[in-house]
Amino acid sequence: GSTQRPVGSTQRPVGSTQRPLGSTRIHSASSRLHSASSRIHSASTRIHSASTRIHSASTRIHSASSRIHSASSRLHSASTRIHSASSRIHSAFNRLHSASSRIHSASTRIHSASSRLHSASSRIHSASTRIHSASTRIHS
C-alpha cells in the first residue's frame, strides 16, 4: 500500500552517497510510530493525572462517609427516644456508605488500571525512543 517510485523515475546519479530505500521507509515509519507513541503517552499522562485526582476525591468522600457513618452509629445507639426517626437516618447513611464503598472500590480499580496503562505507555514510549534513535543513526 506504500507509494513506490514509478519505473524510469529520476534516480540519484551513480556514485553519489545513497541511502537504502528501505532505510528511508523504516525511518519514516519509525518517525510516525514515535509521534503516535508520544501522543498516546501524553494522553495516558493526562488520563493518569485525572484518574489520580478522581481517586483522591473519592478517598476524601469515602473518609467523610466513614466518619458520618460512625457518627450515625453513635447517634443511633444513643437516640432511644427518637428511635424510629434515627433508624431511618441510620438506614439512609448505611446505604450512602455502601454506595460510597462501591464508588471507592471502582475508583481504585480504575486508578490501578490507569497506572498499568501509564506504565505500559512509558515502556512503549521508551522503546519507541530507542527505535527512533537507532533509526536516526542508521538513517544518517
N, C-alpha and C. Protein backbone atom coordinates (compact mmCIF):
# COMPACT_ATOMS: atom_id res chain seq x y z
N GLY A 1 0.80 -1.22 0.00
CA GLY A 1 0.00 0.00 0.00
C GLY A 1 0.82 1.26 0.00
N SER A 2 2.20 1.11 0.08
CA SER A 2 3.01 2.32 0.12
C SER A 2 3.23 2.85 -1.29
N THR A 3 3.43 4.15 -1.42
CA THR A 3 3.71 4.75 -2.73
C THR A 3 5.12 4.38 -3.15
N GLN A 4 5.26 3.84 -4.36
CA GLN A 4 6.57 3.44 -4.85
C GLN A 4 6.97 4.33 -6.01
N ARG A 5 8.27 4.45 -6.24
CA ARG A 5 8.72 5.25 -7.38
C ARG A 5 8.34 4.54 -8.66
N PRO A 6 7.78 5.29 -9.64
CA PRO A 6 7.49 4.64 -10.93
C PRO A 6 8.78 4.23 -11.63
N VAL A 7 8.68 3.22 -12.47
CA VAL A 7 9.86 2.75 -13.23
C VAL A 7 10.32 3.88 -14.12
N GLY A 8 11.62 4.11 -14.14
CA GLY A 8 12.14 5.17 -15.01
C GLY A 8 12.12 6.54 -14.36
N SER A 9 11.78 6.62 -13.07
CA SER A 9 11.76 7.93 -12.41
C SER A 9 13.19 8.42 -12.20
N THR A 10 13.30 9.70 -11.91
CA THR A 10 14.63 10.30 -11.72
C THR A 10 15.32 9.60 -10.55
N GLN A 11 16.49 9.11 -10.76
CA GLN A 11 17.26 8.43 -9.72
C GLN A 11 18.49 9.25 -9.38
N ARG A 12 19.07 9.00 -8.23
CA ARG A 12 20.31 9.68 -7.87
C ARG A 12 21.43 9.24 -8.81
N PRO A 13 22.32 10.15 -9.16
CA PRO A 13 23.40 9.76 -10.07
C PRO A 13 24.27 8.67 -9.47
N VAL A 14 24.80 7.83 -10.35
CA VAL A 14 25.66 6.73 -9.90
C VAL A 14 26.89 7.32 -9.22
N GLY A 15 27.27 6.70 -8.10
CA GLY A 15 28.45 7.18 -7.39
C GLY A 15 28.13 8.17 -6.29
N SER A 16 26.87 8.70 -6.25
CA SER A 16 26.53 9.62 -5.16
C SER A 16 26.29 8.82 -3.89
N THR A 17 26.36 9.50 -2.77
CA THR A 17 26.10 8.83 -1.49
C THR A 17 24.62 8.46 -1.44
N GLN A 18 24.33 7.19 -1.39
CA GLN A 18 22.94 6.77 -1.44
C GLN A 18 22.54 6.14 -0.12
N ARG A 19 21.30 6.42 0.29
CA ARG A 19 20.73 5.72 1.42
C ARG A 19 19.87 4.60 0.87
N PRO A 20 19.91 3.45 1.47
CA PRO A 20 19.00 2.38 1.01
C PRO A 20 17.56 2.86 1.15
N LEU A 21 16.73 2.58 0.13
CA LEU A 21 15.33 3.00 0.16
C LEU A 21 14.61 2.40 1.37
N GLY A 22 14.97 1.16 1.70
CA GLY A 22 14.35 0.51 2.86
C GLY A 22 14.63 1.26 4.14
N SER A 23 15.84 1.78 4.28
CA SER A 23 16.21 2.55 5.49
C SER A 23 15.35 3.79 5.61
N THR A 24 15.11 4.47 4.46
CA THR A 24 14.28 5.68 4.49
C THR A 24 12.86 5.34 4.92
N ARG A 25 12.32 4.25 4.36
CA ARG A 25 10.95 3.85 4.74
C ARG A 25 10.88 3.47 6.21
N ILE A 26 11.89 2.74 6.67
CA ILE A 26 11.92 2.34 8.09
C ILE A 26 12.00 3.59 8.97
N HIS A 27 12.85 4.54 8.57
CA HIS A 27 12.99 5.78 9.35
C HIS A 27 11.68 6.56 9.38
N SER A 28 11.00 6.62 8.21
CA SER A 28 9.71 7.32 8.14
C SER A 28 8.68 6.64 9.03
N ALA A 29 8.62 5.31 8.94
CA ALA A 29 7.68 4.56 9.77
C ALA A 29 8.01 4.72 11.25
N SER A 30 9.33 4.71 11.56
CA SER A 30 9.76 4.90 12.94
C SER A 30 9.36 6.27 13.46
N SER A 31 9.49 7.29 12.59
CA SER A 31 9.11 8.65 13.00
C SER A 31 7.62 8.72 13.29
N ARG A 32 6.81 8.08 12.40
CA ARG A 32 5.36 8.09 12.63
C ARG A 32 5.02 7.33 13.91
N LEU A 33 5.67 6.18 14.11
CA LEU A 33 5.42 5.41 15.34
C LEU A 33 5.81 6.22 16.57
N HIS A 34 6.96 6.90 16.48
CA HIS A 34 7.43 7.70 17.61
C HIS A 34 6.45 8.84 17.89
N SER A 35 5.94 9.48 16.83
CA SER A 35 4.98 10.58 17.01
C SER A 35 3.69 10.06 17.64
N ALA A 36 3.19 8.91 17.12
CA ALA A 36 1.97 8.33 17.69
C ALA A 36 2.19 7.92 19.14
N SER A 37 3.36 7.33 19.41
CA SER A 37 3.67 6.91 20.78
C SER A 37 3.72 8.11 21.71
N SER A 38 4.27 9.23 21.21
CA SER A 38 4.33 10.45 22.04
C SER A 38 2.93 10.95 22.36
N ARG A 39 2.04 10.93 21.33
CA ARG A 39 0.67 11.39 21.57
C ARG A 39 -0.04 10.47 22.55
N ILE A 40 0.14 9.15 22.38
CA ILE A 40 -0.50 8.18 23.29
C ILE A 40 0.03 8.39 24.71
N HIS A 41 1.33 8.58 24.83
CA HIS A 41 1.94 8.76 26.14
C HIS A 41 1.42 10.04 26.81
N SER A 42 1.28 11.11 25.99
CA SER A 42 0.76 12.37 26.53
C SER A 42 -0.68 12.19 27.01
N ALA A 43 -1.51 11.51 26.16
CA ALA A 43 -2.91 11.27 26.55
C ALA A 43 -2.97 10.41 27.80
N SER A 44 -2.12 9.38 27.85
CA SER A 44 -2.09 8.49 29.02
C SER A 44 -1.71 9.26 30.28
N THR A 45 -0.76 10.20 30.14
CA THR A 45 -0.35 11.01 31.29
C THR A 45 -1.51 11.86 31.78
N ARG A 46 -2.27 12.45 30.81
CA ARG A 46 -3.42 13.27 31.21
C ARG A 46 -4.49 12.40 31.88
N ILE A 47 -4.74 11.21 31.31
CA ILE A 47 -5.74 10.30 31.89
C ILE A 47 -5.31 9.89 33.30
N HIS A 48 -4.01 9.58 33.44
CA HIS A 48 -3.49 9.15 34.74
C HIS A 48 -3.62 10.28 35.77
N SER A 49 -3.33 11.50 35.32
CA SER A 49 -3.45 12.65 36.22
C SER A 49 -4.90 12.85 36.66
N ALA A 50 -5.84 12.76 35.68
CA ALA A 50 -7.26 12.91 36.01
C ALA A 50 -7.71 11.79 36.94
N SER A 51 -7.26 10.56 36.66
CA SER A 51 -7.62 9.41 37.50
C SER A 51 -7.10 9.59 38.92
N THR A 52 -5.89 10.16 39.04
CA THR A 52 -5.32 10.40 40.37
C THR A 52 -6.17 11.42 41.14
N ARG A 53 -6.60 12.49 40.42
CA ARG A 53 -7.44 13.49 41.09
C ARG A 53 -8.79 12.88 41.51
N ILE A 54 -9.39 12.07 40.60
CA ILE A 54 -10.67 11.43 40.92
C ILE A 54 -10.51 10.48 42.11
N HIS A 55 -9.41 9.73 42.09
CA HIS A 55 -9.15 8.77 43.17
C HIS A 55 -8.97 9.51 44.50
N SER A 56 -8.26 10.63 44.46
CA SER A 56 -8.04 11.42 45.67
C SER A 56 -9.38 11.96 46.20
N ALA A 57 -10.22 12.48 45.28
CA ALA A 57 -11.53 12.99 45.70
C ALA A 57 -12.38 11.86 46.28
N SER A 58 -12.35 10.69 45.61
CA SER A 58 -13.12 9.55 46.10
C SER A 58 -12.67 9.11 47.48
N THR A 59 -11.35 9.18 47.71
CA THR A 59 -10.81 8.81 49.02
C THR A 59 -11.31 9.77 50.10
N ARG A 60 -11.31 11.07 49.75
CA ARG A 60 -11.81 12.06 50.73
C ARG A 60 -13.30 11.85 51.01
N ILE A 61 -14.08 11.58 49.94
CA ILE A 61 -15.52 11.33 50.12
C ILE A 61 -15.73 10.08 50.98
N HIS A 62 -14.96 9.05 50.67
CA HIS A 62 -15.10 7.79 51.42
C HIS A 62 -14.74 8.00 52.90
N SER A 63 -13.69 8.79 53.15
CA SER A 63 -13.29 9.08 54.53
C SER A 63 -14.38 9.86 55.26
N ALA A 64 -14.95 10.87 54.56
CA ALA A 64 -16.04 11.65 55.17
C ALA A 64 -17.24 10.76 55.43
N SER A 65 -17.55 9.88 54.46
CA SER A 65 -18.67 8.96 54.62
C SER A 65 -18.46 8.03 55.81
N SER A 66 -17.22 7.58 56.00
CA SER A 66 -16.92 6.71 57.14
C SER A 66 -17.14 7.44 58.46
N ARG A 67 -16.70 8.71 58.49
CA ARG A 67 -16.91 9.49 59.72
C ARG A 67 -18.40 9.72 59.97
N ILE A 68 -19.15 10.03 58.90
CA ILE A 68 -20.60 10.22 59.03
C ILE A 68 -21.26 8.92 59.50
N HIS A 69 -20.81 7.81 58.90
CA HIS A 69 -21.38 6.51 59.26
C HIS A 69 -21.11 6.19 60.73
N SER A 70 -19.89 6.49 61.19
CA SER A 70 -19.54 6.24 62.59
C SER A 70 -20.38 7.12 63.51
N ALA A 71 -20.51 8.40 63.13
CA ALA A 71 -21.33 9.31 63.95
C ALA A 71 -22.79 8.86 63.95
N SER A 72 -23.26 8.40 62.78
CA SER A 72 -24.64 7.92 62.69
C SER A 72 -24.87 6.71 63.59
N SER A 73 -23.87 5.83 63.66
CA SER A 73 -23.99 4.65 64.53
C SER A 73 -24.10 5.06 66.00
N ARG A 74 -23.26 6.03 66.38
CA ARG A 74 -23.32 6.51 67.77
C ARG A 74 -24.66 7.20 68.05
N LEU A 75 -25.12 8.00 67.09
CA LEU A 75 -26.42 8.66 67.24
C LEU A 75 -27.54 7.63 67.36
N HIS A 76 -27.46 6.59 66.55
CA HIS A 76 -28.49 5.55 66.54
C HIS A 76 -28.58 4.84 67.89
N SER A 77 -27.41 4.54 68.48
CA SER A 77 -27.43 3.81 69.76
C SER A 77 -27.89 4.71 70.91
N ALA A 78 -27.63 6.04 70.80
CA ALA A 78 -27.96 6.95 71.90
C ALA A 78 -29.39 7.47 71.83
N SER A 79 -30.00 7.45 70.64
CA SER A 79 -31.31 8.13 70.49
C SER A 79 -32.48 7.15 70.67
N THR A 80 -32.67 6.70 71.90
CA THR A 80 -33.77 5.75 72.17
C THR A 80 -35.13 6.44 72.09
N ARG A 81 -35.20 7.75 72.42
CA ARG A 81 -36.49 8.44 72.40
C ARG A 81 -36.98 8.69 70.98
N ILE A 82 -36.03 8.88 70.06
CA ILE A 82 -36.44 9.11 68.65
C ILE A 82 -35.93 7.94 67.80
N HIS A 83 -36.16 6.75 68.33
CA HIS A 83 -35.62 5.53 67.72
C HIS A 83 -36.10 5.34 66.29
N SER A 84 -37.35 5.60 66.03
CA SER A 84 -37.90 5.36 64.69
C SER A 84 -37.24 6.28 63.65
N ALA A 85 -37.17 7.58 63.97
CA ALA A 85 -36.55 8.52 63.04
C ALA A 85 -35.07 8.22 62.89
N SER A 86 -34.42 7.93 63.99
CA SER A 86 -32.99 7.62 63.94
C SER A 86 -32.72 6.37 63.09
N SER A 87 -33.62 5.38 63.17
CA SER A 87 -33.45 4.17 62.37
C SER A 87 -33.48 4.48 60.89
N ARG A 88 -34.41 5.36 60.49
CA ARG A 88 -34.49 5.72 59.08
C ARG A 88 -33.21 6.47 58.64
N ILE A 89 -32.73 7.38 59.50
CA ILE A 89 -31.49 8.10 59.18
C ILE A 89 -30.31 7.13 59.07
N HIS A 90 -30.25 6.22 60.05
CA HIS A 90 -29.16 5.25 60.05
C HIS A 90 -29.18 4.37 58.80
N SER A 91 -30.39 3.95 58.41
CA SER A 91 -30.52 3.13 57.21
C SER A 91 -30.06 3.90 55.97
N ALA A 92 -30.45 5.18 55.92
CA ALA A 92 -30.03 6.01 54.78
C ALA A 92 -28.51 6.16 54.76
N PHE A 93 -27.91 6.38 55.91
CA PHE A 93 -26.46 6.52 55.96
C PHE A 93 -25.76 5.20 55.62
N ASN A 94 -26.37 4.09 56.02
CA ASN A 94 -25.80 2.79 55.64
C ASN A 94 -25.78 2.64 54.12
N ARG A 95 -26.92 3.02 53.49
CA ARG A 95 -26.98 2.93 52.02
C ARG A 95 -25.94 3.87 51.39
N LEU A 96 -25.84 5.08 51.93
CA LEU A 96 -24.85 6.04 51.42
C LEU A 96 -23.43 5.49 51.57
N HIS A 97 -23.15 4.91 52.72
CA HIS A 97 -21.82 4.36 52.97
C HIS A 97 -21.53 3.19 52.03
N SER A 98 -22.55 2.34 51.82
CA SER A 98 -22.38 1.21 50.91
C SER A 98 -22.10 1.70 49.49
N ALA A 99 -22.87 2.70 49.04
CA ALA A 99 -22.65 3.27 47.70
C ALA A 99 -21.27 3.90 47.61
N SER A 100 -20.87 4.62 48.66
CA SER A 100 -19.54 5.24 48.68
C SER A 100 -18.44 4.19 48.61
N SER A 101 -18.64 3.08 49.28
CA SER A 101 -17.65 1.99 49.25
C SER A 101 -17.53 1.42 47.84
N ARG A 102 -18.69 1.24 47.18
CA ARG A 102 -18.65 0.71 45.81
C ARG A 102 -17.95 1.70 44.86
N ILE A 103 -18.27 2.99 45.02
CA ILE A 103 -17.62 4.01 44.18
C ILE A 103 -16.12 4.03 44.44
N HIS A 104 -15.75 3.95 45.70
CA HIS A 104 -14.33 3.97 46.05
C HIS A 104 -13.61 2.74 45.49
N SER A 105 -14.27 1.58 45.57
CA SER A 105 -13.68 0.35 45.02
C SER A 105 -13.50 0.46 43.51
N ALA A 106 -14.53 0.99 42.81
CA ALA A 106 -14.44 1.17 41.36
C ALA A 106 -13.33 2.17 41.03
N SER A 107 -13.26 3.24 41.79
CA SER A 107 -12.21 4.26 41.56
C SER A 107 -10.83 3.66 41.74
N THR A 108 -10.69 2.80 42.75
CA THR A 108 -9.40 2.14 42.99
C THR A 108 -9.02 1.26 41.81
N ARG A 109 -10.01 0.51 41.27
CA ARG A 109 -9.72 -0.35 40.11
C ARG A 109 -9.34 0.49 38.90
N ILE A 110 -10.08 1.60 38.69
CA ILE A 110 -9.78 2.48 37.56
C ILE A 110 -8.38 3.07 37.71
N HIS A 111 -8.07 3.49 38.93
CA HIS A 111 -6.75 4.08 39.18
C HIS A 111 -5.64 3.05 38.95
N SER A 112 -5.88 1.81 39.39
CA SER A 112 -4.90 0.75 39.18
C SER A 112 -4.71 0.47 37.69
N ALA A 113 -5.84 0.39 36.95
CA ALA A 113 -5.76 0.16 35.50
C ALA A 113 -5.04 1.32 34.82
N SER A 114 -5.34 2.54 35.26
CA SER A 114 -4.69 3.72 34.69
C SER A 114 -3.19 3.68 34.95
N SER A 115 -2.81 3.24 36.15
CA SER A 115 -1.38 3.14 36.48
C SER A 115 -0.69 2.12 35.57
N ARG A 116 -1.39 0.97 35.35
CA ARG A 116 -0.80 -0.04 34.46
C ARG A 116 -0.70 0.49 33.03
N LEU A 117 -1.76 1.19 32.57
CA LEU A 117 -1.74 1.78 31.22
C LEU A 117 -0.61 2.79 31.10
N HIS A 118 -0.45 3.61 32.15
CA HIS A 118 0.60 4.64 32.12
C HIS A 118 1.98 3.97 32.09
N SER A 119 2.14 2.90 32.87
CA SER A 119 3.42 2.19 32.89
C SER A 119 3.71 1.56 31.53
N ALA A 120 2.68 0.93 30.92
CA ALA A 120 2.86 0.33 29.60
C ALA A 120 3.18 1.40 28.57
N SER A 121 2.47 2.51 28.65
CA SER A 121 2.72 3.63 27.72
C SER A 121 4.14 4.14 27.86
N SER A 122 4.63 4.22 29.11
CA SER A 122 6.01 4.68 29.34
C SER A 122 7.00 3.71 28.70
N ARG A 123 6.73 2.40 28.86
CA ARG A 123 7.64 1.41 28.26
C ARG A 123 7.60 1.50 26.74
N ILE A 124 6.39 1.63 26.16
CA ILE A 124 6.26 1.76 24.70
C ILE A 124 6.99 3.01 24.23
N HIS A 125 6.80 4.11 24.97
CA HIS A 125 7.43 5.36 24.57
C HIS A 125 8.95 5.24 24.65
N SER A 126 9.44 4.58 25.69
CA SER A 126 10.88 4.39 25.85
C SER A 126 11.43 3.53 24.70
N ALA A 127 10.71 2.44 24.38
CA ALA A 127 11.14 1.57 23.28
C ALA A 127 11.10 2.34 21.97
N SER A 128 10.05 3.11 21.76
CA SER A 128 9.93 3.91 20.54
C SER A 128 11.06 4.91 20.43
N THR A 129 11.44 5.50 21.56
CA THR A 129 12.55 6.47 21.56
C THR A 129 13.85 5.78 21.16
N ARG A 130 14.07 4.57 21.70
CA ARG A 130 15.28 3.83 21.33
C ARG A 130 15.27 3.46 19.85
N ILE A 131 14.11 2.98 19.36
CA ILE A 131 13.99 2.63 17.94
C ILE A 131 14.24 3.86 17.08
N HIS A 132 13.64 4.98 17.48
CA HIS A 132 13.79 6.20 16.70
C HIS A 132 15.24 6.67 16.70
N SER A 133 15.89 6.55 17.86
CA SER A 133 17.31 6.95 17.96
C SER A 133 18.17 6.06 17.07
N ALA A 134 17.92 4.74 17.13
CA ALA A 134 18.68 3.81 16.29
C ALA A 134 18.40 4.08 14.81
N SER A 135 17.14 4.32 14.49
CA SER A 135 16.77 4.60 13.11
C SER A 135 17.43 5.88 12.62
N THR A 136 17.53 6.88 13.50
CA THR A 136 18.17 8.15 13.12
C THR A 136 19.64 7.92 12.83
N ARG A 137 20.30 7.11 13.70
CA ARG A 137 21.72 6.82 13.46
C ARG A 137 21.90 6.08 12.13
N ILE A 138 21.03 5.08 11.88
CA ILE A 138 21.12 4.32 10.62
C ILE A 138 20.85 5.24 9.44
N HIS A 139 19.84 6.08 9.60
CA HIS A 139 19.41 6.97 8.51
C HIS A 139 20.49 7.97 8.17
N SER A 140 21.20 8.45 9.20
CA SER A 140 22.22 9.45 8.93
C SER A 140 23.56 8.78 8.60
